[in-house]
């Protein structure tokens, strides 16, 4: 579905962002694209959406080059930016203009998602609050049922209750054949939804793995005392410490804390080098 090979991208000839980036995502599901500010997450989404072009290398999405922006390709790929500004149109007119472009758009699904968001749209879309506009756009994006959906910080602008609704909506209404790539800093809020995790830092791919493998290979423990040498990473929290450990044979499988795992990989990538043979760690 997504294939990057030796991809090079630069905003300035002497300052490369991506230099020989390789990434392969071939299964549908939800992929969390994680990394610190300036890591290149939004730029990568722009490249996948055909909004920016590689300097060199290959970038393929659904077997085609995004930069060519072919009509049939655009009907199967949708990018939703972090900041949106809806037009001064009614919802009905806006839908009548955009929905026909997407062959799999489902009006009933759109209405169901809007209802689950408890959203009542009256008047022009431009008059809605930012959070309400975000809900309309996310409902539309899911209702298009495109094959690849690219979301940049989708939960920004939503209150706590709306974020819970969004997670529930993804679980109920995401088509089985859709790949969703989510760039987010809200790791703890959205991480439970991820099927795969990609971590990039300073334009490099540090890590790509399924959450199923991560849950089996790592564990998180809280303690009141400073963790010992067997902890591969830890940080202070109120009342003690939160530590990351390599799971031992026989340990019960736990749900990994992706935020602390991301911090560990970015700050100390060497901590999991010994897992390369198990294909848990990738650095290029």
Foldseek 3Di string as FASTA:
>chain_A
DKWWAQFWDDPDPVQTQAGGATDDDDFAFEEEEEEDPPLCQVVVLCQQQLVDDTPDTDIDDPRDGNVVVDLVQNLQEEEDEPFDAFDQAAPVVVCVVPVVSHPQQDPVQLVVQCVLLVHDGDGGLRPDDRLNNLSNVVSRQLRSLHQEYEYEASCPPPDPVSLVSVLVSCVPRHDRRHHYYYYHPPCQSCVVRHQWYWYGGSNWTKFIDGQVVVQQFKDKDWDQDDDDPQFLDWDADVNHIITMHTDDPPDDGDRDRVNRVNVSCVVPVVSCPVCVVVVGTDTD
